[in-house]
Amino acid sequence: MEQPVKMYTLSTCSHCKAAKNFLDECTVKYEFRDVDLLTGEEREAVVEEVKKLNKDCSFPTIIIGDRVIIGFKEKEIREALHLS
C-alpha cells in the first residue's frame, strides 16, 4: 500500500524544489503546502503543525507515513518510500 506523503515547503527554497522534483521523477503522489504563501491564521496554524514535527521549523519538512524527514535527504526518502 502506498504511504501518504505530505510536505511543508517554501516557494523560494531550492531544497524544497529539489524534493518536489525528486518525488515527481519517482511518480510519487504527494501533497504540499508552501508555508510562505499562506497568510494570517492559516499560516500560523500550519507553522504550529510544522513545529510539532520539526522544532526548528526548517524546510522542507517531509512526512512519509509516520516518518518525518527534515530536509531533502534522497536516501532517507527512498528508504521511507521503499524505492530501490
PDB file of N, CA and C in Angstrom:
ATOM      1  N   MET A   1       0.836  -1.200   0.000  1.00  0.00           N
ATOM      2  CA  MET A   1       0.000   0.000   0.000  1.00  0.00           C
ATOM      3  C   MET A   1       0.874   1.255   0.000  1.00  0.00           C
ATOM      4  N   GLU A   2       0.464   2.230  -0.764  1.00  0.00           N
ATOM      5  CA  GLU A   2       1.230   3.465  -0.857  1.00  0.00           C
ATOM      6  C   GLU A   2       1.018   4.314   0.388  1.00  0.00           C
ATOM      7  N   GLN A   3       2.116   4.787   0.950  1.00  0.00           N
ATOM      8  CA  GLN A   3       2.028   5.631   2.130  1.00  0.00           C
ATOM      9  C   GLN A   3       1.710   7.062   1.722  1.00  0.00           C
ATOM     10  N   PRO A   4       0.909   7.763   2.545  1.00  0.00           N
ATOM     11  CA  PRO A   4       0.660   9.166   2.212  1.00  0.00           C
ATOM     12  C   PRO A   4       1.939   9.990   2.380  1.00  0.00           C
ATOM     13  N   VAL A   5       2.144  10.913   1.458  1.00  0.00           N
ATOM     14  CA  VAL A   5       3.319  11.784   1.510  1.00  0.00           C
ATOM     15  C   VAL A   5       2.836  13.222   1.573  1.00  0.00           C
ATOM     16  N   LYS A   6       3.314  13.944   2.588  1.00  0.00           N
ATOM     17  CA  LYS A   6       2.927  15.341   2.761  1.00  0.00           C
ATOM     18  C   LYS A   6       4.199  16.134   3.004  1.00  0.00           C
ATOM     19  N   MET A   7       4.275  17.321   2.407  1.00  0.00           N
ATOM     20  CA  MET A   7       5.461  18.163   2.580  1.00  0.00           C
ATOM     21  C   MET A   7       5.050  19.571   2.955  1.00  0.00           C
ATOM     22  N   TYR A   8       5.832  20.130   3.852  1.00  0.00           N
ATOM     23  CA  TYR A   8       5.727  21.552   4.161  1.00  0.00           C
ATOM     24  C   TYR A   8       6.948  22.195   3.525  1.00  0.00           C
ATOM     25  N   THR A   9       6.714  23.175   2.667  1.00  0.00           N
ATOM     26  CA  THR A   9       7.792  23.747   1.862  1.00  0.00           C
ATOM     27  C   THR A   9       7.699  25.267   1.851  1.00  0.00           C
ATOM     28  N   LEU A  10       8.722  25.877   1.284  1.00  0.00           N
ATOM     29  CA  LEU A  10       8.713  27.311   0.996  1.00  0.00           C
ATOM     30  C   LEU A  10       8.819  27.454  -0.514  1.00  0.00           C
ATOM     31  N   SER A  11       8.102  28.394  -1.086  1.00  0.00           N
ATOM     32  CA  SER A  11       8.064  28.535  -2.552  1.00  0.00           C
ATOM     33  C   SER A  11       9.421  28.927  -3.123  1.00  0.00           C
ATOM     34  N   THR A  12      10.290  29.533  -2.304  1.00  0.00           N
ATOM     35  CA  THR A  12      11.578  30.034  -2.783  1.00  0.00           C
ATOM     36  C   THR A  12      12.757  29.121  -2.431  1.00  0.00           C
ATOM     37  N   CYS A  13      12.489  28.001  -1.788  1.00  0.00           N
ATOM     38  CA  CYS A  13      13.548  27.137  -1.232  1.00  0.00           C
ATOM     39  C   CYS A  13      14.057  26.137  -2.276  1.00  0.00           C
ATOM     40  N   SER A  14      15.364  26.171  -2.550  1.00  0.00           N
ATOM     41  CA  SER A  14      15.928  25.261  -3.559  1.00  0.00           C
ATOM     42  C   SER A  14      15.854  23.796  -3.103  1.00  0.00           C
ATOM     43  N   HIS A  15      16.006  23.536  -1.798  1.00  0.00           N
ATOM     44  CA  HIS A  15      15.913  22.153  -1.293  1.00  0.00           C
ATOM     45  C   HIS A  15      14.480  21.631  -1.424  1.00  0.00           C
ATOM     46  N   CYS A  16      13.513  22.532  -1.214  1.00  0.00           N
ATOM     47  CA  CYS A  16      12.104  22.158  -1.369  1.00  0.00           C
ATOM     48  C   CYS A  16      11.804  21.816  -2.825  1.00  0.00           C
ATOM     49  N   LYS A  17      12.314  22.639  -3.741  1.00  0.00           N
ATOM     50  CA  LYS A  17      12.109  22.385  -5.178  1.00  0.00           C
ATOM     51  C   LYS A  17      12.746  21.054  -5.567  1.00  0.00           C
ATOM     52  N   ALA A  18      13.936  20.784  -5.038  1.00  0.00           N
ATOM     53  CA  ALA A  18      14.633  19.525  -5.345  1.00  0.00           C
ATOM     54  C   ALA A  18      13.820  18.332  -4.837  1.00  0.00           C
ATOM     55  N   ALA A  19      13.238  18.464  -3.661  1.00  0.00           N
ATOM     56  CA  ALA A  19      12.426  17.372  -3.100  1.00  0.00           C
ATOM     57  C   ALA A  19      11.191  17.133  -3.968  1.00  0.00           C
ATOM     58  N   LYS A  20      10.512  18.210  -4.380  1.00  0.00           N
ATOM     59  CA  LYS A  20       9.336  18.074  -5.252  1.00  0.00           C
ATOM     60  C   LYS A  20       9.731  17.427  -6.581  1.00  0.00           C
ATOM     61  N   ASN A  21      10.839  17.885  -7.173  1.00  0.00           N
ATOM     62  CA  ASN A  21      11.300  17.319  -8.448  1.00  0.00           C
ATOM     63  C   ASN A  21      11.613  15.839  -8.307  1.00  0.00           C
ATOM     64  N   PHE A  22      12.280  15.470  -7.211  1.00  0.00           N
ATOM     65  CA  PHE A  22      12.625  14.070  -6.973  1.00  0.00           C
ATOM     66  C   PHE A  22      11.364  13.216  -6.887  1.00  0.00           C
ATOM     67  N   LEU A  23      10.375  13.667  -6.102  1.00  0.00           N
ATOM     68  CA  LEU A  23       9.137  12.894  -5.971  1.00  0.00           C
ATOM     69  C   LEU A  23       8.399  12.820  -7.310  1.00  0.00           C
ATOM     70  N   ASP A  24       8.419  13.915  -8.071  1.00  0.00           N
ATOM     71  CA  ASP A  24       7.800  13.898  -9.405  1.00  0.00           C
ATOM     72  C   ASP A  24       8.485  12.876 -10.311  1.00  0.00           C
ATOM     73  N   GLU A  25       9.828  12.862 -10.286  1.00  0.00           N
ATOM     74  CA  GLU A  25      10.589  11.911 -11.117  1.00  0.00           C
ATOM     75  C   GLU A  25      10.270  10.471 -10.741  1.00  0.00           C
ATOM     76  N   CYS A  26      10.024  10.244  -9.452  1.00  0.00           N
ATOM     77  CA  CYS A  26       9.706   8.891  -8.975  1.00  0.00           C
ATOM     78  C   CYS A  26       8.211   8.591  -9.086  1.00  0.00           C
ATOM     79  N   THR A  27       7.456   9.502  -9.674  1.00  0.00           N
ATOM     80  CA  THR A  27       5.997   9.414  -9.822  1.00  0.00           C
ATOM     81  C   THR A  27       5.301   9.092  -8.500  1.00  0.00           C
ATOM     82  N   VAL A  28       5.739   9.766  -7.451  1.00  0.00           N
ATOM     83  CA  VAL A  28       5.135   9.618  -6.127  1.00  0.00           C
ATOM     84  C   VAL A  28       4.095  10.725  -5.973  1.00  0.00           C
ATOM     85  N   LYS A  29       2.891  10.335  -5.557  1.00  0.00           N
ATOM     86  CA  LYS A  29       1.850  11.332  -5.297  1.00  0.00           C
ATOM     87  C   LYS A  29       2.133  11.957  -3.941  1.00  0.00           C
ATOM     88  N   TYR A  30       2.008  13.269  -3.863  1.00  0.00           N
ATOM     89  CA  TYR A  30       2.239  13.954  -2.593  1.00  0.00           C
ATOM     90  C   TYR A  30       1.423  15.229  -2.518  1.00  0.00           C
ATOM     91  N   GLU A  31       1.190  15.643  -1.275  1.00  0.00           N
ATOM     92  CA  GLU A  31       0.548  16.935  -1.028  1.00  0.00           C
ATOM     93  C   GLU A  31       1.624  17.856  -0.494  1.00  0.00           C
ATOM     94  N   PHE A  32       1.513  19.140  -0.791  1.00  0.00           N
ATOM     95  CA  PHE A  32       2.465  20.074  -0.204  1.00  0.00           C
ATOM     96  C   PHE A  32       1.785  21.392   0.102  1.00  0.00           C
ATOM     97  N   ARG A  33       2.362  22.092   1.066  1.00  0.00           N
ATOM     98  CA  ARG A  33       1.905  23.441   1.407  1.00  0.00           C
ATOM     99  C   ARG A  33       3.119  24.350   1.350  1.00  0.00           C
ATOM    100  N   ASP A  34       3.048  25.382   0.526  1.00  0.00           N
ATOM    101  CA  ASP A  34       4.092  26.411   0.521  1.00  0.00           C
ATOM    102  C   ASP A  34       3.752  27.380   1.655  1.00  0.00           C
ATOM    103  N   VAL A  35       4.401  27.184   2.791  1.00  0.00           N
ATOM    104  CA  VAL A  35       4.051  27.903   4.016  1.00  0.00           C
ATOM    105  C   VAL A  35       4.201  29.421   3.845  1.00  0.00           C
ATOM    106  N   ASP A  36       5.195  29.845   3.075  1.00  0.00           N
ATOM    107  CA  ASP A  36       5.416  31.288   2.905  1.00  0.00           C
ATOM    108  C   ASP A  36       4.314  31.968   2.085  1.00  0.00           C
ATOM    109  N   LEU A  37       3.500  31.191   1.392  1.00  0.00           N
ATOM    110  CA  LEU A  37       2.419  31.777   0.600  1.00  0.00           C
ATOM    111  C   LEU A  37       1.098  31.846   1.369  1.00  0.00           C
ATOM    112  N   LEU A  38       1.075  31.243   2.555  1.00  0.00           N
ATOM    113  CA  LEU A  38      -0.127  31.295   3.390  1.00  0.00           C
ATOM    114  C   LEU A  38      -0.137  32.613   4.154  1.00  0.00           C
ATOM    115  N   THR A  39      -1.316  33.008   4.628  1.00  0.00           N
ATOM    116  CA  THR A  39      -1.409  34.256   5.389  1.00  0.00           C
ATOM    117  C   THR A  39      -2.266  34.059   6.633  1.00  0.00           C
ATOM    118  N   GLY A  40      -2.104  34.980   7.561  1.00  0.00           N
ATOM    119  CA  GLY A  40      -2.976  35.064   8.727  1.00  0.00           C
ATOM    120  C   GLY A  40      -3.035  33.803   9.554  1.00  0.00           C
ATOM    121  N   GLU A  41      -4.258  33.471   9.983  1.00  0.00           N
ATOM    122  CA  GLU A  41      -4.460  32.326  10.881  1.00  0.00           C
ATOM    123  C   GLU A  41      -4.071  31.009  10.233  1.00  0.00           C
ATOM    124  N   GLU A  42      -4.312  30.888   8.939  1.00  0.00           N
ATOM    125  CA  GLU A  42      -3.949  29.642   8.243  1.00  0.00           C
ATOM    126  C   GLU A  42      -2.439  29.415   8.337  1.00  0.00           C
ATOM    127  N   ARG A  43      -1.676  30.482   8.086  1.00  0.00           N
ATOM    128  CA  ARG A  43      -0.211  30.375   8.170  1.00  0.00           C
ATOM    129  C   ARG A  43       0.224  30.033   9.594  1.00  0.00           C
ATOM    130  N   GLU A  44      -0.344  30.712  10.583  1.00  0.00           N
ATOM    131  CA  GLU A  44       0.002  30.435  11.980  1.00  0.00           C
ATOM    132  C   GLU A  44      -0.272  28.976  12.329  1.00  0.00           C
ATOM    133  N   ALA A  45      -1.431  28.466  11.921  1.00  0.00           N
ATOM    134  CA  ALA A  45      -1.806  27.086  12.223  1.00  0.00           C
ATOM    135  C   ALA A  45      -0.836  26.098  11.577  1.00  0.00           C
ATOM    136  N   VAL A  46      -0.470  26.350  10.327  1.00  0.00           N
ATOM    137  CA  VAL A  46       0.443  25.443   9.619  1.00  0.00           C
ATOM    138  C   VAL A  46       1.840  25.506  10.233  1.00  0.00           C
ATOM    139  N   VAL A  47       2.307  26.695  10.623  1.00  0.00           N
ATOM    140  CA  VAL A  47       3.620  26.816  11.277  1.00  0.00           C
ATOM    141  C   VAL A  47       3.620  26.021  12.585  1.00  0.00           C
ATOM    142  N   GLU A  48       2.524  26.078  13.343  1.00  0.00           N
ATOM    143  CA  GLU A  48       2.430  25.287  14.586  1.00  0.00           C
ATOM    144  C   GLU A  48       2.496  23.795  14.280  1.00  0.00           C
ATOM    145  N   GLU A  49       1.824  23.358  13.207  1.00  0.00           N
ATOM    146  CA  GLU A  49       1.873  21.951  12.779  1.00  0.00           C
ATOM    147  C   GLU A  49       3.314  21.543  12.485  1.00  0.00           C
ATOM    148  N   VAL A  50       4.014  22.388  11.731  1.00  0.00           N
ATOM    149  CA  VAL A  50       5.401  22.087  11.365  1.00  0.00           C
ATOM    150  C   VAL A  50       6.265  21.998  12.623  1.00  0.00           C
ATOM    151  N   LYS A  51       6.090  22.927  13.555  1.00  0.00           N
ATOM    152  CA  LYS A  51       6.901  22.935  14.786  1.00  0.00           C
ATOM    153  C   LYS A  51       6.707  21.679  15.612  1.00  0.00           C
ATOM    154  N   LYS A  52       5.511  21.076  15.562  1.00  0.00           N
ATOM    155  CA  LYS A  52       5.263  19.821  16.295  1.00  0.00           C
ATOM    156  C   LYS A  52       6.094  18.691  15.693  1.00  0.00           C
ATOM    157  N   LEU A  53       6.300  18.743  14.376  1.00  0.00           N
ATOM    158  CA  LEU A  53       7.051  17.702  13.665  1.00  0.00           C
ATOM    159  C   LEU A  53       8.547  17.991  13.658  1.00  0.00           C
ATOM    160  N   ASN A  54       8.893  19.272  13.666  1.00  0.00           N
ATOM    161  CA  ASN A  54      10.272  19.715  13.458  1.00  0.00           C
ATOM    162  C   ASN A  54      10.458  21.002  14.264  1.00  0.00           C
ATOM    163  N   LYS A  55      11.032  20.858  15.464  1.00  0.00           N
ATOM    164  CA  LYS A  55      11.103  22.004  16.388  1.00  0.00           C
ATOM    165  C   LYS A  55      11.832  23.208  15.803  1.00  0.00           C
ATOM    166  N   ASP A  56      12.737  22.973  14.838  1.00  0.00           N
ATOM    167  CA  ASP A  56      13.466  24.085  14.212  1.00  0.00           C
ATOM    168  C   ASP A  56      12.644  24.780  13.125  1.00  0.00           C
ATOM    169  N   CYS A  57      11.526  24.164  12.750  1.00  0.00           N
ATOM    170  CA  CYS A  57      10.635  24.726  11.718  1.00  0.00           C
ATOM    171  C   CYS A  57      11.423  25.049  10.439  1.00  0.00           C
ATOM    172  N   SER A  58      12.230  24.077  10.003  1.00  0.00           N
ATOM    173  CA  SER A  58      13.017  24.256   8.779  1.00  0.00           C
ATOM    174  C   SER A  58      12.342  23.494   7.639  1.00  0.00           C
ATOM    175  N   PHE A  59      12.770  23.791   6.433  1.00  0.00           N
ATOM    176  CA  PHE A  59      12.088  23.254   5.255  1.00  0.00           C
ATOM    177  C   PHE A  59      13.062  22.627   4.275  1.00  0.00           C
ATOM    178  N   PRO A  60      12.622  21.623   3.515  1.00  0.00           N
ATOM    179  CA  PRO A  60      11.305  21.015   3.600  1.00  0.00           C
ATOM    180  C   PRO A  60      11.184  20.106   4.833  1.00  0.00           C
ATOM    181  N   THR A  61       9.980  20.009   5.348  1.00  0.00           N
ATOM    182  CA  THR A  61       9.628  19.004   6.347  1.00  0.00           C
ATOM    183  C   THR A  61       8.730  18.025   5.606  1.00  0.00           C
ATOM    184  N   ILE A  62       9.183  16.782   5.511  1.00  0.00           N
ATOM    185  CA  ILE A  62       8.508  15.768   4.692  1.00  0.00           C
ATOM    186  C   ILE A  62       7.983  14.676   5.609  1.00  0.00           C
ATOM    187  N   ILE A  63       6.707  14.331   5.446  1.00  0.00           N
ATOM    188  CA  ILE A  63       6.108  13.262   6.232  1.00  0.00           C
ATOM    189  C   ILE A  63       5.734  12.144   5.274  1.00  0.00           C
ATOM    190  N   ILE A  64       6.302  10.971   5.517  1.00  0.00           N
ATOM    191  CA  ILE A  64       6.009   9.790   4.700  1.00  0.00           C
ATOM    192  C   ILE A  64       5.485   8.736   5.658  1.00  0.00           C
ATOM    193  N   GLY A  65       4.189   8.468   5.586  1.00  0.00           N
ATOM    194  CA  GLY A  65       3.573   7.578   6.570  1.00  0.00           C
ATOM    195  C   GLY A  65       3.726   8.202   7.945  1.00  0.00           C
ATOM    196  N   ASP A  66       4.409   7.503   8.860  1.00  0.00           N
ATOM    197  CA  ASP A  66       4.623   8.064  10.200  1.00  0.00           C
ATOM    198  C   ASP A  66       6.069   8.531  10.391  1.00  0.00           C
ATOM    199  N   ARG A  67       6.803   8.622   9.305  1.00  0.00           N
ATOM    200  CA  ARG A  67       8.206   9.047   9.368  1.00  0.00           C
ATOM    201  C   ARG A  67       8.348  10.513   8.948  1.00  0.00           C
ATOM    202  N   VAL A  68       9.122  11.260   9.713  1.00  0.00           N
ATOM    203  CA  VAL A  68       9.362  12.672   9.403  1.00  0.00           C
ATOM    204  C   VAL A  68      10.807  12.821   8.945  1.00  0.00           C
ATOM    205  N   ILE A  69      10.993  13.434   7.788  1.00  0.00           N
ATOM    206  CA  ILE A  69      12.332  13.669   7.248  1.00  0.00           C
ATOM    207  C   ILE A  69      12.495  15.176   7.119  1.00  0.00           C
ATOM    208  N   ILE A  70      13.550  15.684   7.725  1.00  0.00           N
ATOM    209  CA  ILE A  70      13.811  17.116   7.698  1.00  0.00           C
ATOM    210  C   ILE A  70      14.868  17.379   6.630  1.00  0.00           C
ATOM    211  N   GLY A  71      14.523  18.198   5.642  1.00  0.00           N
ATOM    212  CA  GLY A  71      15.460  18.493   4.568  1.00  0.00           C
ATOM    213  C   GLY A  71      15.309  17.514   3.423  1.00  0.00           C
ATOM    214  N   PHE A  72      15.968  17.810   2.315  1.00  0.00           N
ATOM    215  CA  PHE A  72      15.930  16.926   1.152  1.00  0.00           C
ATOM    216  C   PHE A  72      17.040  15.902   1.298  1.00  0.00           C
ATOM    217  N   LYS A  73      16.670  14.737   1.826  1.00  0.00           N
ATOM    218  CA  LYS A  73      17.616  13.643   2.032  1.00  0.00           C
ATOM    219  C   LYS A  73      17.151  12.476   1.168  1.00  0.00           C
ATOM    220  N   GLU A  74      17.684  12.438  -0.046  1.00  0.00           N
ATOM    221  CA  GLU A  74      17.209  11.470  -1.037  1.00  0.00           C
ATOM    222  C   GLU A  74      17.259  10.036  -0.523  1.00  0.00           C
ATOM    223  N   LYS A  75      18.341   9.669   0.135  1.00  0.00           N
ATOM    224  CA  LYS A  75      18.493   8.289   0.625  1.00  0.00           C
ATOM    225  C   LYS A  75      17.373   7.944   1.612  1.00  0.00           C
ATOM    226  N   GLU A  76      17.107   8.847   2.570  1.00  0.00           N
ATOM    227  CA  GLU A  76      16.056   8.605   3.559  1.00  0.00           C
ATOM    228  C   GLU A  76      14.676   8.565   2.911  1.00  0.00           C
ATOM    229  N   ILE A  77      14.464   9.427   1.933  1.00  0.00           N
ATOM    230  CA  ILE A  77      13.169   9.453   1.237  1.00  0.00           C
ATOM    231  C   ILE A  77      12.975   8.131   0.481  1.00  0.00           C
ATOM    232  N   ARG A  78      14.018   7.695  -0.221  1.00  0.00           N
ATOM    233  CA  ARG A  78      13.951   6.399  -0.943  1.00  0.00           C
ATOM    234  C   ARG A  78      13.612   5.264   0.016  1.00  0.00           C
ATOM    235  N   GLU A  79      14.305   5.233   1.180  1.00  0.00           N
ATOM    236  CA  GLU A  79      14.051   4.160   2.165  1.00  0.00           C
ATOM    237  C   GLU A  79      12.613   4.210   2.662  1.00  0.00           C
ATOM    238  N   ALA A  80      12.130   5.401   3.000  1.00  0.00           N
ATOM    239  CA  ALA A  80      10.776   5.531   3.535  1.00  0.00           C
ATOM    240  C   ALA A  80       9.719   5.133   2.506  1.00  0.00           C
ATOM    241  N   LEU A  81      10.015   5.374   1.231  1.00  0.00           N
ATOM    242  CA  LEU A  81       9.073   5.031   0.151  1.00  0.00           C
ATOM    243  C   LEU A  81       9.320   3.636  -0.408  1.00  0.00           C
ATOM    244  N   HIS A  82      10.330   2.958   0.111  1.00  0.00           N
ATOM    245  CA  HIS A  82      10.710   1.619  -0.375  1.00  0.00           C
ATOM    246  C   HIS A  82      11.056   1.640  -1.858  1.00  0.00           C
ATOM    247  N   LEU A  83      11.788   2.689  -2.267  1.00  0.00           N
ATOM    248  CA  LEU A  83      12.277   2.776  -3.644  1.00  0.00           C
ATOM    249  C   LEU A  83      13.681   2.211  -3.670  1.00  0.00           C
ATOM    250  N   SER A  84      14.020   1.492  -4.726  1.00  0.00           N
ATOM    251  CA  SER A  84      15.376   0.909  -4.768  1.00  0.00           C
ATOM    252  C   SER A  84      16.388   1.918  -5.270  1.00  0.00           C
TER     253      SER A  84
END
